[in-house]
All heavy atoms as atom14 arrays in JSON, in Angstrom:
{
  "sequence": "DRGRRRTHEKVTDWIKQLVDACAVPCVIAGLPRLDVLNEVND",
  "atom14_mask": [
    [1, 1, 1, 1, 1, 1, 1, 1, 0, 0, 0, 0, 0, 0],
    [1, 1, 1, 1, 1, 1, 1, 1, 1, 1, 1, 0, 0, 0],
    [1, 1, 1, 1, 0, 0, 0, 0, 0, 0, 0, 0, 0, 0],
    [1, 1, 1, 1, 1, 1, 1, 1, 1, 1, 1, 0, 0, 0],
    [1, 1, 1, 1, 1, 1, 1, 1, 1, 1, 1, 0, 0, 0],
    [1, 1, 1, 1, 1, 1, 1, 1, 1, 1, 1, 0, 0, 0],
    [1, 1, 1, 1, 1, 1, 1, 0, 0, 0, 0, 0, 0, 0],
    [1, 1, 1, 1, 1, 1, 1, 1, 1, 1, 0, 0, 0, 0],
    [1, 1, 1, 1, 1, 1, 1, 1, 1, 0, 0, 0, 0, 0],
    [1, 1, 1, 1, 1, 1, 1, 1, 1, 0, 0, 0, 0, 0],
    [1, 1, 1, 1, 1, 1, 1, 0, 0, 0, 0, 0, 0, 0],
    [1, 1, 1, 1, 1, 1, 1, 0, 0, 0, 0, 0, 0, 0],
    [1, 1, 1, 1, 1, 1, 1, 1, 0, 0, 0, 0, 0, 0],
    [1, 1, 1, 1, 1, 1, 1, 1, 1, 1, 1, 1, 1, 1],
    [1, 1, 1, 1, 1, 1, 1, 1, 0, 0, 0, 0, 0, 0],
    [1, 1, 1, 1, 1, 1, 1, 1, 1, 0, 0, 0, 0, 0],
    [1, 1, 1, 1, 1, 1, 1, 1, 1, 0, 0, 0, 0, 0],
    [1, 1, 1, 1, 1, 1, 1, 1, 0, 0, 0, 0, 0, 0],
    [1, 1, 1, 1, 1, 1, 1, 0, 0, 0, 0, 0, 0, 0],
    [1, 1, 1, 1, 1, 1, 1, 1, 0, 0, 0, 0, 0, 0],
    [1, 1, 1, 1, 1, 0, 0, 0, 0, 0, 0, 0, 0, 0],
    [1, 1, 1, 1, 1, 1, 0, 0, 0, 0, 0, 0, 0, 0],
    [1, 1, 1, 1, 1, 0, 0, 0, 0, 0, 0, 0, 0, 0],
    [1, 1, 1, 1, 1, 1, 1, 0, 0, 0, 0, 0, 0, 0],
    [1, 1, 1, 1, 1, 1, 1, 0, 0, 0, 0, 0, 0, 0],
    [1, 1, 1, 1, 1, 1, 0, 0, 0, 0, 0, 0, 0, 0],
    [1, 1, 1, 1, 1, 1, 1, 0, 0, 0, 0, 0, 0, 0],
    [1, 1, 1, 1, 1, 1, 1, 1, 0, 0, 0, 0, 0, 0],
    [1, 1, 1, 1, 1, 0, 0, 0, 0, 0, 0, 0, 0, 0],
    [1, 1, 1, 1, 0, 0, 0, 0, 0, 0, 0, 0, 0, 0],
    [1, 1, 1, 1, 1, 1, 1, 1, 0, 0, 0, 0, 0, 0],
    [1, 1, 1, 1, 1, 1, 1, 0, 0, 0, 0, 0, 0, 0],
    [1, 1, 1, 1, 1, 1, 1, 1, 1, 1, 1, 0, 0, 0],
    [1, 1, 1, 1, 1, 1, 1, 1, 0, 0, 0, 0, 0, 0],
    [1, 1, 1, 1, 1, 1, 1, 1, 0, 0, 0, 0, 0, 0],
    [1, 1, 1, 1, 1, 1, 1, 0, 0, 0, 0, 0, 0, 0],
    [1, 1, 1, 1, 1, 1, 1, 1, 0, 0, 0, 0, 0, 0],
    [1, 1, 1, 1, 1, 1, 1, 1, 0, 0, 0, 0, 0, 0],
    [1, 1, 1, 1, 1, 1, 1, 1, 1, 0, 0, 0, 0, 0],
    [1, 1, 1, 1, 1, 1, 1, 0, 0, 0, 0, 0, 0, 0],
    [1, 1, 1, 1, 1, 1, 1, 1, 0, 0, 0, 0, 0, 0],
    [1, 1, 1, 1, 1, 1, 1, 1, 0, 0, 0, 0, 0, 0]
  ],
  "atom14_positions": [
    [[13.21, 7.36, 15.08], [14.17, 8.46, 15.04], [13.93, 9.4, 13.86], [14.1, 10.6, 13.97], [15.59, 7.93, 14.96], [16.02, 7.17, 16.2], [15.34, 7.31, 17.23], [17.01, 6.43, 16.12], [0.0, 0.0, 0.0], [0.0, 0.0, 0.0], [0.0, 0.0, 0.0], [0.0, 0.0, 0.0], [0.0, 0.0, 0.0], [0.0, 0.0, 0.0]],
    [[13.57, 8.82, 12.72], [13.51, 9.61, 11.49], [12.1, 9.99, 11.06], [11.92, 10.82, 10.2], [14.2, 8.84, 10.38], [15.66, 8.66, 10.69], [16.43, 8.16, 9.5], [17.83, 8.05, 9.88], [18.5, 6.93, 9.96], [17.91, 5.79, 9.67], [19.76, 6.91, 10.32], [0.0, 0.0, 0.0], [0.0, 0.0, 0.0], [0.0, 0.0, 0.0]],
    [[11.11, 9.34, 11.63], [9.74, 9.61, 11.2], [9.01, 10.54, 12.14], [9.48, 10.88, 13.21], [0.0, 0.0, 0.0], [0.0, 0.0, 0.0], [0.0, 0.0, 0.0], [0.0, 0.0, 0.0], [0.0, 0.0, 0.0], [0.0, 0.0, 0.0], [0.0, 0.0, 0.0], [0.0, 0.0, 0.0], [0.0, 0.0, 0.0], [0.0, 0.0, 0.0]],
    [[7.84, 10.93, 11.69], [6.94, 11.72, 12.52], [5.69, 10.87, 12.76], [5.56, 9.77, 12.26], [6.56, 13.01, 11.81], [7.75, 13.94, 11.58], [7.26, 15.34, 11.31], [8.16, 16.37, 10.89], [9.39, 16.62, 11.23], [9.99, 15.83, 12.02], [10.05, 17.65, 10.78], [0.0, 0.0, 0.0], [0.0, 0.0, 0.0], [0.0, 0.0, 0.0]],
    [[4.77, 11.38, 13.53], [3.58, 10.62, 13.92], [2.86, 10.04, 12.7], [2.49, 8.87, 12.69], [2.63, 11.48, 14.74], [1.42, 10.71, 15.19], [0.51, 11.54, 16.06], [-0.65, 10.77, 16.45], [-0.72, 9.98, 17.5], [0.31, 9.85, 18.29], [-1.82, 9.32, 17.77], [0.0, 0.0, 0.0], [0.0, 0.0, 0.0], [0.0, 0.0, 0.0]],
    [[2.68, 10.81, 11.66], [1.96, 10.33, 10.47], [2.71, 9.16, 9.82], [2.12, 8.17, 9.39], [1.77, 11.47, 9.46], [0.94, 11.08, 8.28], [-0.53, 10.93, 8.69], [-1.29, 10.5, 7.54], [-2.16, 9.52, 7.55], [-2.43, 8.89, 8.67], [-2.81, 9.18, 6.47], [0.0, 0.0, 0.0], [0.0, 0.0, 0.0], [0.0, 0.0, 0.0]],
    [[4.03, 9.26, 9.77], [4.85, 8.17, 9.23], [4.71, 6.94, 10.11], [4.56, 5.82, 9.59], [6.33, 8.6, 9.17], [6.45, 9.77, 8.38], [7.19, 7.5, 8.59], [0.0, 0.0, 0.0], [0.0, 0.0, 0.0], [0.0, 0.0, 0.0], [0.0, 0.0, 0.0], [0.0, 0.0, 0.0], [0.0, 0.0, 0.0], [0.0, 0.0, 0.0]],
    [[4.73, 7.12, 11.4], [4.58, 5.99, 12.33], [3.25, 5.28, 12.11], [3.18, 4.06, 12.12], [4.69, 6.47, 13.77], [6.0, 7.1, 14.11], [6.17, 7.89, 15.22], [7.2, 7.1, 13.47], [7.41, 8.33, 15.26], [8.05, 7.86, 14.21], [0.0, 0.0, 0.0], [0.0, 0.0, 0.0], [0.0, 0.0, 0.0], [0.0, 0.0, 0.0]],
    [[2.19, 6.07, 11.92], [0.86, 5.49, 11.7], [0.84, 4.66, 10.41], [0.34, 3.54, 10.4], [-0.2, 6.59, 11.63], [-0.43, 7.27, 12.96], [-1.3, 8.52, 12.82], [-1.62, 8.93, 11.68], [-1.63, 9.1, 13.87], [0.0, 0.0, 0.0], [0.0, 0.0, 0.0], [0.0, 0.0, 0.0], [0.0, 0.0, 0.0], [0.0, 0.0, 0.0]],
    [[1.39, 5.21, 9.33], [1.37, 4.5, 8.05], [2.21, 3.22, 8.1], [1.8, 2.17, 7.6], [1.9, 5.4, 6.93], [0.91, 6.46, 6.51], [1.44, 7.26, 5.34], [0.39, 8.23, 4.84], [0.79, 8.88, 3.6], [0.0, 0.0, 0.0], [0.0, 0.0, 0.0], [0.0, 0.0, 0.0], [0.0, 0.0, 0.0], [0.0, 0.0, 0.0]],
    [[3.39, 3.31, 8.7], [4.26, 2.14, 8.75], [3.7, 1.06, 9.67], [3.75, -0.13, 9.33], [5.7, 2.54, 9.16], [6.56, 1.32, 9.4], [6.31, 3.42, 8.09], [0.0, 0.0, 0.0], [0.0, 0.0, 0.0], [0.0, 0.0, 0.0], [0.0, 0.0, 0.0], [0.0, 0.0, 0.0], [0.0, 0.0, 0.0], [0.0, 0.0, 0.0]],
    [[3.15, 1.44, 10.8], [2.57, 0.42, 11.68], [1.38, -0.26, 11.02], [1.2, -1.46, 11.17], [2.19, 0.99, 13.06], [1.34, 2.13, 12.89], [3.41, 1.37, 13.86], [0.0, 0.0, 0.0], [0.0, 0.0, 0.0], [0.0, 0.0, 0.0], [0.0, 0.0, 0.0], [0.0, 0.0, 0.0], [0.0, 0.0, 0.0], [0.0, 0.0, 0.0]],
    [[0.58, 0.49, 10.26], [-0.52, -0.12, 9.51], [0.01, -1.1, 8.47], [-0.53, -2.19, 8.3], [-1.39, 0.94, 8.83], [-2.33, 1.63, 9.79], [-2.62, 1.07, 10.87], [-2.8, 2.74, 9.46], [0.0, 0.0, 0.0], [0.0, 0.0, 0.0], [0.0, 0.0, 0.0], [0.0, 0.0, 0.0], [0.0, 0.0, 0.0], [0.0, 0.0, 0.0]],
    [[1.08, -0.73, 7.77], [1.68, -1.6, 6.77], [2.21, -2.89, 7.42], [2.02, -3.98, 6.89], [2.79, -0.88, 6.02], [3.44, -1.74, 4.99], [3.0, -1.97, 3.73], [4.63, -2.52, 5.16], [3.85, -2.85, 3.09], [4.86, -3.2, 3.94], [5.52, -2.71, 6.2], [5.94, -4.05, 3.75], [6.59, -3.55, 6.02], [6.8, -4.21, 4.8]],
    [[2.88, -2.75, 8.56], [3.42, -3.93, 9.25], [2.28, -4.84, 9.7], [2.37, -6.06, 9.6], [4.32, -3.52, 10.43], [5.6, -2.85, 9.89], [4.68, -4.72, 11.29], [6.46, -2.22, 10.95], [0.0, 0.0, 0.0], [0.0, 0.0, 0.0], [0.0, 0.0, 0.0], [0.0, 0.0, 0.0], [0.0, 0.0, 0.0], [0.0, 0.0, 0.0]],
    [[1.19, -4.27, 10.19], [0.03, -5.08, 10.59], [-0.49, -5.88, 9.39], [-0.79, -7.06, 9.52], [-1.09, -4.2, 11.13], [-0.83, -3.63, 12.49], [-2.02, -2.9, 13.07], [-2.73, -2.04, 12.08], [-3.82, -1.24, 12.63], [0.0, 0.0, 0.0], [0.0, 0.0, 0.0], [0.0, 0.0, 0.0], [0.0, 0.0, 0.0], [0.0, 0.0, 0.0]],
    [[-0.59, -5.25, 8.23], [-1.05, -5.94, 7.02], [-0.09, -7.06, 6.62], [-0.51, -8.15, 6.23], [-1.24, -4.96, 5.87], [-2.37, -4.0, 6.09], [-2.45, -2.93, 5.02], [-1.65, -2.88, 4.09], [-3.42, -2.04, 5.15], [0.0, 0.0, 0.0], [0.0, 0.0, 0.0], [0.0, 0.0, 0.0], [0.0, 0.0, 0.0], [0.0, 0.0, 0.0]],
    [[1.2, -6.79, 6.74], [2.22, -7.79, 6.42], [2.08, -9.01, 7.34], [2.08, -10.15, 6.87], [3.62, -7.2, 6.56], [4.79, -8.16, 6.43], [4.94, -8.61, 4.98], [6.08, -7.52, 6.92], [0.0, 0.0, 0.0], [0.0, 0.0, 0.0], [0.0, 0.0, 0.0], [0.0, 0.0, 0.0], [0.0, 0.0, 0.0], [0.0, 0.0, 0.0]],
    [[1.93, -8.76, 8.62], [1.8, -9.84, 9.61], [0.56, -10.68, 9.3], [0.6, -11.91, 9.32], [1.76, -9.27, 11.04], [1.34, -10.32, 12.05], [3.09, -8.65, 11.41], [0.0, 0.0, 0.0], [0.0, 0.0, 0.0], [0.0, 0.0, 0.0], [0.0, 0.0, 0.0], [0.0, 0.0, 0.0], [0.0, 0.0, 0.0], [0.0, 0.0, 0.0]],
    [[-0.55, -10.02, 9.01], [-1.78, -10.74, 8.72], [-1.66, -11.56, 7.43], [-2.11, -12.7, 7.36], [-2.96, -9.77, 8.61], [-3.32, -9.14, 9.94], [-2.89, -9.65, 10.99], [-4.02, -8.11, 9.92], [0.0, 0.0, 0.0], [0.0, 0.0, 0.0], [0.0, 0.0, 0.0], [0.0, 0.0, 0.0], [0.0, 0.0, 0.0], [0.0, 0.0, 0.0]],
    [[-1.04, -10.99, 6.42], [-0.94, -11.65, 5.12], [0.02, -12.84, 5.16], [-0.23, -13.86, 4.52], [-0.49, -10.66, 4.05], [0.0, 0.0, 0.0], [0.0, 0.0, 0.0], [0.0, 0.0, 0.0], [0.0, 0.0, 0.0], [0.0, 0.0, 0.0], [0.0, 0.0, 0.0], [0.0, 0.0, 0.0], [0.0, 0.0, 0.0], [0.0, 0.0, 0.0]],
    [[1.09, -12.72, 5.9], [2.11, -13.78, 5.93], [1.71, -14.95, 6.82], [2.1, -16.09, 6.55], [3.44, -13.22, 6.42], [4.18, -12.09, 5.24], [0.0, 0.0, 0.0], [0.0, 0.0, 0.0], [0.0, 0.0, 0.0], [0.0, 0.0, 0.0], [0.0, 0.0, 0.0], [0.0, 0.0, 0.0], [0.0, 0.0, 0.0], [0.0, 0.0, 0.0]],
    [[0.99, -14.67, 7.86], [0.55, -15.71, 8.81], [1.71, -16.54, 9.34], [1.62, -17.76, 9.47], [-0.51, -16.6, 8.17], [0.0, 0.0, 0.0], [0.0, 0.0, 0.0], [0.0, 0.0, 0.0], [0.0, 0.0, 0.0], [0.0, 0.0, 0.0], [0.0, 0.0, 0.0], [0.0, 0.0, 0.0], [0.0, 0.0, 0.0], [0.0, 0.0, 0.0]],
    [[2.83, -15.88, 9.61], [3.98, -16.52, 10.25], [4.37, -15.67, 11.45], [4.03, -14.49, 11.53], [5.19, -16.67, 9.29], [4.84, -17.58, 8.13], [5.69, -15.33, 8.81], [0.0, 0.0, 0.0], [0.0, 0.0, 0.0], [0.0, 0.0, 0.0], [0.0, 0.0, 0.0], [0.0, 0.0, 0.0], [0.0, 0.0, 0.0], [0.0, 0.0, 0.0]],
    [[5.1, -16.23, 12.4], [5.53, -15.44, 13.55], [6.4, -14.26, 13.12], [7.22, -14.37, 12.22], [6.35, -16.42, 14.39], [5.89, -17.78, 13.96], [5.52, -17.64, 12.52], [0.0, 0.0, 0.0], [0.0, 0.0, 0.0], [0.0, 0.0, 0.0], [0.0, 0.0, 0.0], [0.0, 0.0, 0.0], [0.0, 0.0, 0.0], [0.0, 0.0, 0.0]],
    [[6.17, -13.12, 13.76], [6.91, -11.9, 13.46], [7.49, -11.32, 14.74], [6.82, -11.3, 15.77], [6.02, -10.87, 12.79], [5.38, -11.42, 11.2], [0.0, 0.0, 0.0], [0.0, 0.0, 0.0], [0.0, 0.0, 0.0], [0.0, 0.0, 0.0], [0.0, 0.0, 0.0], [0.0, 0.0, 0.0], [0.0, 0.0, 0.0], [0.0, 0.0, 0.0]],
    [[8.71, -10.82, 14.63], [9.41, -10.22, 15.76], [9.89, -8.85, 15.34], [10.42, -8.68, 14.25], [10.62, -11.09, 16.18], [11.41, -10.42, 17.28], [10.16, -12.47, 16.61], [0.0, 0.0, 0.0], [0.0, 0.0, 0.0], [0.0, 0.0, 0.0], [0.0, 0.0, 0.0], [0.0, 0.0, 0.0], [0.0, 0.0, 0.0], [0.0, 0.0, 0.0]],
    [[9.7, -7.89, 16.22], [10.24, -6.54, 16.01], [11.31, -6.32, 17.06], [11.08, -6.55, 18.25], [9.14, -5.48, 16.12], [8.2, -5.64, 14.93], [9.72, -4.09, 16.18], [7.1, -4.64, 14.9], [0.0, 0.0, 0.0], [0.0, 0.0, 0.0], [0.0, 0.0, 0.0], [0.0, 0.0, 0.0], [0.0, 0.0, 0.0], [0.0, 0.0, 0.0]],
    [[12.48, -5.89, 16.61], [13.59, -5.7, 17.53], [14.15, -4.29, 17.38], [14.14, -3.72, 16.3], [14.69, -6.73, 17.25], [0.0, 0.0, 0.0], [0.0, 0.0, 0.0], [0.0, 0.0, 0.0], [0.0, 0.0, 0.0], [0.0, 0.0, 0.0], [0.0, 0.0, 0.0], [0.0, 0.0, 0.0], [0.0, 0.0, 0.0], [0.0, 0.0, 0.0]],
    [[14.62, -3.76, 18.48], [15.22, -2.44, 18.48], [15.36, -1.91, 19.89], [15.18, -2.63, 20.86], [0.0, 0.0, 0.0], [0.0, 0.0, 0.0], [0.0, 0.0, 0.0], [0.0, 0.0, 0.0], [0.0, 0.0, 0.0], [0.0, 0.0, 0.0], [0.0, 0.0, 0.0], [0.0, 0.0, 0.0], [0.0, 0.0, 0.0], [0.0, 0.0, 0.0]],
    [[15.68, -0.65, 19.97], [15.89, 0.0, 21.26], [14.56, 0.32, 21.94], [13.51, 0.35, 21.27], [16.72, 1.26, 21.06], [18.13, 1.02, 20.51], [18.84, 2.33, 20.24], [18.95, 0.15, 21.44], [0.0, 0.0, 0.0], [0.0, 0.0, 0.0], [0.0, 0.0, 0.0], [0.0, 0.0, 0.0], [0.0, 0.0, 0.0], [0.0, 0.0, 0.0]],
    [[14.57, 0.55, 23.25], [13.32, 0.75, 24.0], [12.43, 1.87, 23.49], [11.23, 1.85, 23.75], [13.81, 1.05, 25.42], [15.13, 0.4, 25.52], [15.73, 0.51, 24.14], [0.0, 0.0, 0.0], [0.0, 0.0, 0.0], [0.0, 0.0, 0.0], [0.0, 0.0, 0.0], [0.0, 0.0, 0.0], [0.0, 0.0, 0.0], [0.0, 0.0, 0.0]],
    [[12.96, 2.82, 22.76], [12.11, 3.92, 22.28], [11.07, 3.46, 21.25], [10.23, 4.23, 20.81], [12.93, 5.08, 21.76], [13.91, 4.79, 20.68], [14.72, 6.06, 20.36], [15.75, 5.81, 19.39], [17.01, 5.52, 19.67], [17.4, 5.44, 20.92], [17.89, 5.32, 18.72], [0.0, 0.0, 0.0], [0.0, 0.0, 0.0], [0.0, 0.0, 0.0]],
    [[11.09, 2.18, 20.9], [10.06, 1.63, 20.02], [8.68, 1.69, 20.65], [7.68, 1.55, 19.97], [10.38, 0.18, 19.68], [11.46, -0.06, 18.65], [11.68, -1.54, 18.47], [11.09, 0.56, 17.34], [0.0, 0.0, 0.0], [0.0, 0.0, 0.0], [0.0, 0.0, 0.0], [0.0, 0.0, 0.0], [0.0, 0.0, 0.0], [0.0, 0.0, 0.0]],
    [[8.6, 1.89, 21.96], [7.31, 1.98, 22.63], [6.44, 3.07, 22.04], [5.22, 3.01, 22.15], [7.51, 2.21, 24.13], [8.03, 0.98, 24.85], [7.9, -0.12, 24.29], [8.56, 1.13, 25.95], [0.0, 0.0, 0.0], [0.0, 0.0, 0.0], [0.0, 0.0, 0.0], [0.0, 0.0, 0.0], [0.0, 0.0, 0.0], [0.0, 0.0, 0.0]],
    [[7.04, 4.06, 21.41], [6.29, 5.13, 20.75], [5.31, 4.54, 19.73], [4.18, 5.01, 19.59], [7.25, 6.13, 20.06], [6.51, 7.09, 19.17], [8.05, 6.87, 21.11], [0.0, 0.0, 0.0], [0.0, 0.0, 0.0], [0.0, 0.0, 0.0], [0.0, 0.0, 0.0], [0.0, 0.0, 0.0], [0.0, 0.0, 0.0], [0.0, 0.0, 0.0]],
    [[5.72, 3.48, 19.03], [4.85, 2.87, 18.02], [3.61, 2.27, 18.64], [2.53, 2.32, 18.05], [5.63, 1.82, 17.22], [6.85, 2.32, 16.47], [7.51, 1.17, 15.73], [6.5, 3.45, 15.52], [0.0, 0.0, 0.0], [0.0, 0.0, 0.0], [0.0, 0.0, 0.0], [0.0, 0.0, 0.0], [0.0, 0.0, 0.0], [0.0, 0.0, 0.0]],
    [[3.73, 1.71, 19.83], [2.57, 1.15, 20.52], [1.6, 2.25, 20.92], [0.39, 2.05, 20.95], [2.99, 0.37, 21.75], [3.75, -0.89, 21.4], [3.63, -1.4, 20.29], [4.54, -1.37, 22.33], [0.0, 0.0, 0.0], [0.0, 0.0, 0.0], [0.0, 0.0, 0.0], [0.0, 0.0, 0.0], [0.0, 0.0, 0.0], [0.0, 0.0, 0.0]],
    [[2.11, 3.42, 21.23], [1.26, 4.55, 21.62], [0.54, 5.13, 20.41], [-0.59, 5.6, 20.52], [2.11, 5.63, 22.29], [2.73, 5.18, 23.59], [3.78, 6.13, 24.11], [3.92, 7.24, 23.57], [4.49, 5.76, 25.07], [0.0, 0.0, 0.0], [0.0, 0.0, 0.0], [0.0, 0.0, 0.0], [0.0, 0.0, 0.0], [0.0, 0.0, 0.0]],
    [[1.18, 5.11, 19.26], [0.6, 5.68, 18.04], [-0.52, 4.8, 17.49], [-1.5, 5.3, 16.97], [1.71, 5.87, 16.96], [1.13, 6.18, 15.6], [2.66, 6.96, 17.39], [0.0, 0.0, 0.0], [0.0, 0.0, 0.0], [0.0, 0.0, 0.0], [0.0, 0.0, 0.0], [0.0, 0.0, 0.0], [0.0, 0.0, 0.0], [0.0, 0.0, 0.0]],
    [[-0.36, 3.5, 17.61], [-1.3, 2.57, 17.0], [-1.62, 1.45, 17.99], [-0.82, 0.54, 18.19], [-0.68, 2.0, 15.71], [-1.66, 1.23, 14.88], [-2.52, 0.54, 15.4], [-1.52, 1.34, 13.57], [0.0, 0.0, 0.0], [0.0, 0.0, 0.0], [0.0, 0.0, 0.0], [0.0, 0.0, 0.0], [0.0, 0.0, 0.0], [0.0, 0.0, 0.0]],
    [[-2.8, 1.5, 18.59], [-3.19, 0.53, 19.61], [-3.19, -0.9, 19.08], [-2.77, -1.82, 19.77], [-4.58, 0.85, 20.17], [-4.59, 2.12, 20.99], [-3.5, 2.53, 21.46], [-5.67, 2.7, 21.17], [0.0, 0.0, 0.0], [0.0, 0.0, 0.0], [0.0, 0.0, 0.0], [0.0, 0.0, 0.0], [0.0, 0.0, 0.0], [0.0, 0.0, 0.0]]
  ]
}
């Protein structure tokens, strides 16, 4: 809702690094419009 494409790219990259570094199960929850993040970062 609050970010733009560049913000989405940076945050999704950060979350990927977090998931890799923690090596624990991760869940993302929210409304269906989260699909935009999947489109921004394969």
